[in-house]
Amino acid sequence: MRVAQLPTPQKDRTMEGMVATWYTKNRGRDWNWFRTVARRIAERVPPGARVLDVATGPGSLAIEIARTGRRTFALDLSRSFVQIAQEAAGRAGVQVDVRHGSASAMPFPDALFDFVVCTAAFKNFANPLGALNEMHRVLKPGGQASIYDLRNDASREDIDAEVRSMPMSSLNRAITSLIFRYGLIKTAYSQAQLEGMAAESRFGGCEIARQGVGFEVRLRKHAGD
């Protein structure tokens, strides 16, 4: 199954400097969401399992995963976020191995991780199929991955409900709503596109669950791969 005309950027989108700092102070504080995702991962892999957070941003999810007793690694293309995530993990008193690098060329050996997760970033990858194949490569046979991201058919009502749940000021909620409506949603994938990419990737397929304004894409590396 071939995937054509995907709305991907010419290069990976990333944040540096003041933009990274603004994001950290706003979306980076949505701890309830990150705790929920970390708990879901902990239900699927045992304590001591190696978990990789791809495009970690400020490291909020990685920190919550580390708190569950999993051996946690994180990766981001933004040098600002690598530094922010390292400092945040230190303040939280948890061990997170934060690396600088691209999702489509990860600086990790084959079959290292039990679980790979990526939240709110997959739509920003210039080479999404390459990122999927890299997730497959670094997973152990039988390992799992989850991608959480926006869906391109999210309604204005869906967006408003999502933004209202975010712990930020009224001004930042208004800014964030505009970013969702006129920026992020337009770059998001449809369910058919995600299914097509997963089928073309080394995973060979996926399961997709709609959740609020987004999806969870579940993938598994077969034991014989």
Protein backbone atom coordinates (compact mmCIF):
# COMPACT_ATOMS: atom_id res chain seq x y z
CA MET A 1 0.00 0.00 0.00
CA ARG A 2 1.61 3.24 -1.13
CA VAL A 3 1.15 6.53 0.72
CA ALA A 4 1.00 9.62 -1.49
CA GLN A 5 0.70 13.37 -1.03
CA LEU A 6 1.18 13.43 2.71
CA PRO A 7 1.11 16.97 4.18
CA THR A 8 4.57 16.75 5.71
CA PRO A 9 7.06 19.62 6.20
CA GLN A 10 10.19 19.97 4.07
CA LYS A 11 12.24 19.47 7.24
CA ASP A 12 11.46 18.45 10.80
CA ARG A 13 9.68 21.21 12.71
CA THR A 14 11.33 22.00 16.01
CA MET A 15 11.41 24.73 18.65
CA GLU A 16 14.41 26.60 19.99
CA GLY A 17 15.08 29.46 22.39
CA MET A 18 12.13 31.59 23.48
CA VAL A 19 9.59 29.47 21.58
CA ALA A 20 10.75 26.35 23.44
CA THR A 21 10.57 28.26 26.73
CA TRP A 22 6.99 29.45 26.02
CA TYR A 23 5.90 25.92 25.16
CA THR A 24 7.47 24.57 28.33
CA LYS A 25 5.63 27.09 30.50
CA ASN A 26 2.28 26.23 28.92
CA ARG A 27 1.80 22.80 27.32
CA GLY A 28 4.72 21.47 29.34
CA ARG A 29 2.68 21.93 32.53
CA ASP A 30 -0.20 19.64 31.49
CA TRP A 31 0.86 17.04 34.05
CA ASN A 32 -2.47 15.19 34.28
CA TRP A 33 -2.21 14.18 30.63
CA PHE A 34 1.39 13.04 30.97
CA ARG A 35 0.59 11.05 34.12
CA THR A 36 -2.26 9.34 32.26
CA VAL A 37 -0.02 8.34 29.35
CA ALA A 38 2.75 7.18 31.71
CA ARG A 39 0.25 5.04 33.61
CA ARG A 40 -0.98 3.47 30.35
CA ILE A 41 2.59 2.59 29.41
CA ALA A 42 3.29 1.17 32.87
CA GLU A 43 0.30 -1.14 32.43
CA ARG A 44 1.88 -2.54 29.26
CA VAL A 45 5.53 -3.04 30.29
CA PRO A 46 7.01 -4.23 33.63
CA PRO A 47 9.19 -2.21 36.03
CA GLY A 48 12.74 -1.97 34.72
CA ALA A 49 11.65 -2.05 31.08
CA ARG A 50 13.37 0.41 28.74
CA VAL A 51 11.05 3.11 27.40
CA LEU A 52 11.94 5.76 24.81
CA ASP A 53 10.06 9.07 24.53
CA VAL A 54 10.60 10.36 20.97
CA ALA A 55 10.44 14.16 20.48
CA THR A 56 10.25 14.59 24.25
CA GLY A 57 10.05 18.39 24.21
CA PRO A 58 10.40 19.67 27.81
CA GLY A 59 10.63 16.09 29.05
CA SER A 60 7.36 16.11 31.01
CA LEU A 61 6.19 12.68 29.82
CA ALA A 62 9.66 11.15 30.21
CA ILE A 63 9.77 12.33 33.83
CA GLU A 64 6.39 10.75 34.57
CA ILE A 65 7.48 7.49 32.92
CA ALA A 66 10.66 7.46 35.03
CA ARG A 67 8.55 7.88 38.16
CA THR A 68 6.82 4.56 37.37
CA GLY A 69 10.14 2.71 37.70
CA ARG A 70 10.81 2.20 34.00
CA ARG A 71 14.30 2.89 32.59
CA THR A 72 13.59 6.04 30.63
CA PHE A 73 15.29 7.52 27.58
CA ALA A 74 14.28 10.64 25.67
CA LEU A 75 15.14 12.09 22.27
CA ASP A 76 14.62 15.51 20.72
CA LEU A 77 15.92 17.41 17.71
CA SER A 78 15.83 20.72 19.62
CA ARG A 79 18.97 21.42 21.62
CA SER A 80 16.91 23.81 23.75
CA PHE A 81 14.51 21.03 24.69
CA VAL A 82 17.36 18.60 25.40
CA GLN A 83 18.76 21.04 27.94
CA ILE A 84 15.31 21.86 29.38
CA ALA A 85 14.44 18.15 29.73
CA GLN A 86 17.76 17.32 31.39
CA GLU A 87 17.33 20.13 33.91
CA ALA A 88 13.69 19.21 34.58
CA ALA A 89 14.59 15.55 35.24
CA GLY A 90 17.30 16.67 37.66
CA ARG A 91 14.86 18.88 39.57
CA ALA A 92 12.35 16.01 39.67
CA GLY A 93 14.98 13.67 41.08
CA VAL A 94 14.57 11.00 38.38
CA GLN A 95 16.95 9.41 35.89
CA VAL A 96 16.21 10.22 32.24
CA ASP A 97 18.83 9.67 29.55
CA VAL A 98 18.13 12.60 27.19
CA ARG A 99 19.75 12.53 23.75
CA HIS A 100 19.88 14.98 20.84
CA GLY A 101 18.83 13.52 17.50
CA SER A 102 16.25 12.99 14.77
CA ALA A 103 13.30 10.62 14.94
CA SER A 104 14.26 9.27 11.51
CA ALA A 105 17.92 8.64 12.47
CA MET A 106 17.94 7.70 16.14
CA PRO A 107 21.28 7.46 17.99
CA PHE A 108 20.42 4.09 19.54
CA PRO A 109 21.35 0.48 18.70
CA ASP A 110 18.90 -2.08 17.36
CA ALA A 111 16.41 -3.81 19.66
CA LEU A 112 17.14 -1.71 22.77
CA PHE A 113 13.66 -0.70 23.94
CA ASP A 114 10.57 -2.46 25.21
CA PHE A 115 8.31 0.49 24.43
CA VAL A 116 8.51 3.65 22.30
CA VAL A 117 6.13 6.58 22.67
CA CYS A 118 5.70 9.83 20.73
CA THR A 119 3.22 12.53 21.75
CA ALA A 120 2.07 15.63 19.84
CA ALA A 121 5.03 15.56 17.44
CA PHE A 122 4.55 12.94 14.73
CA LYS A 123 2.83 15.42 12.38
CA ASN A 124 5.99 17.57 12.53
CA PHE A 125 8.33 14.90 11.13
CA ALA A 126 9.64 15.49 7.61
CA ASN A 127 10.10 11.74 7.15
CA PRO A 128 7.24 10.07 9.07
CA LEU A 129 7.73 6.69 7.39
CA GLY A 130 11.43 6.82 8.29
CA ALA A 131 10.46 7.63 11.89
CA LEU A 132 8.15 4.61 12.01
CA ASN A 133 10.88 2.36 10.67
CA GLU A 134 13.33 3.71 13.24
CA MET A 135 10.84 3.02 16.03
CA HIS A 136 10.59 -0.53 14.72
CA ARG A 137 14.39 -0.88 14.54
CA VAL A 138 15.06 0.21 18.12
CA LEU A 139 12.28 -1.94 19.59
CA LYS A 140 12.95 -5.42 20.87
CA PRO A 141 11.04 -8.23 19.12
CA GLY A 142 7.58 -8.16 20.67
CA GLY A 143 8.05 -4.52 21.70
CA GLN A 144 5.26 -1.96 21.41
CA ALA A 145 4.88 1.68 20.41
CA SER A 146 2.18 4.33 20.78
CA ILE A 147 1.86 7.59 18.87
CA TYR A 148 -0.47 10.24 20.27
CA ASP A 149 -1.27 13.13 17.95
CA LEU A 150 -3.99 15.35 16.54
CA ARG A 151 -6.53 14.22 13.96
CA ASN A 152 -7.22 16.54 11.06
CA ASP A 153 -11.00 16.30 11.36
CA ALA A 154 -11.16 17.61 14.95
CA SER A 155 -14.01 20.13 15.25
CA ARG A 156 -13.83 23.59 16.78
CA GLU A 157 -15.86 22.24 19.72
CA ASP A 158 -13.31 19.44 20.20
CA ILE A 159 -10.47 21.97 20.15
CA ASP A 160 -12.18 24.34 22.60
CA ALA A 161 -12.83 21.48 25.04
CA GLU A 162 -9.19 20.39 24.81
CA VAL A 163 -7.82 23.90 25.37
CA ARG A 164 -10.16 24.50 28.33
CA SER A 165 -8.61 21.49 30.05
CA MET A 166 -5.10 22.96 29.83
CA PRO A 167 -3.65 24.63 32.95
CA MET A 168 -2.87 28.07 31.52
CA SER A 169 -4.08 31.67 31.60
CA SER A 170 -7.06 32.90 29.54
CA LEU A 171 -4.70 34.76 27.21
CA ASN A 172 -2.58 31.68 26.58
CA ARG A 173 -5.72 29.58 26.07
CA ALA A 174 -6.83 32.01 23.36
CA ILE A 175 -3.40 31.89 21.70
CA THR A 176 -3.29 28.10 21.93
CA SER A 177 -6.79 27.76 20.42
CA LEU A 178 -5.70 29.83 17.42
CA ILE A 179 -2.53 27.74 17.05
CA PHE A 180 -4.63 24.57 17.04
CA ARG A 181 -7.24 25.85 14.56
CA TYR A 182 -5.02 27.61 12.04
CA GLY A 183 -1.74 25.74 12.43
CA LEU A 184 -1.62 22.32 14.06
CA ILE A 185 -4.88 20.86 12.74
CA LYS A 186 -3.96 21.78 9.16
CA THR A 187 -0.76 19.76 9.41
CA ALA A 188 -2.34 16.76 11.15
CA TYR A 189 -2.95 13.41 9.46
CA SER A 190 -6.20 11.63 8.76
CA GLN A 191 -6.83 8.13 10.08
CA ALA A 192 -6.49 6.74 6.54
CA GLN A 193 -3.07 8.36 6.12
CA LEU A 194 -1.82 6.98 9.43
CA GLU A 195 -3.10 3.50 8.59
CA GLY A 196 -1.42 3.72 5.18
CA MET A 197 1.93 4.74 6.62
CA ALA A 198 1.80 2.00 9.24
CA ALA A 199 0.99 -0.59 6.58
CA GLU A 200 3.93 0.56 4.45
CA SER A 201 6.30 0.62 7.42
CA ARG A 202 8.19 -2.33 8.89
CA PHE A 203 5.38 -2.68 11.45
CA GLY A 204 3.02 -3.71 8.65
CA GLY A 205 -0.06 -2.21 10.29
CA CYS A 206 -1.51 -0.59 13.39
CA GLU A 207 -4.54 -0.13 15.60
CA ILE A 208 -6.01 3.37 15.95
CA ALA A 209 -8.27 4.72 18.70
CA ARG A 210 -9.83 8.20 18.49
CA GLN A 211 -9.41 10.22 21.69
CA GLY A 212 -10.75 13.78 21.94
CA VAL A 213 -8.94 15.93 19.39
CA GLY A 214 -6.54 13.16 18.50
CA PHE A 215 -5.61 9.53 17.99
CA GLU A 216 -3.60 6.89 19.71
CA VAL A 217 -1.80 4.78 17.09
CA ARG A 218 -0.71 1.41 18.54
CA LEU A 219 2.07 -0.57 16.88
CA ARG A 220 3.86 -3.81 17.68
CA LYS A 221 7.11 -5.36 16.46
CA HIS A 222 6.42 -9.01 15.74
CA ALA A 223 8.52 -11.53 17.63
CA GLY A 224 10.14 -12.79 14.43
CA ASP A 225 11.16 -9.36 13.11
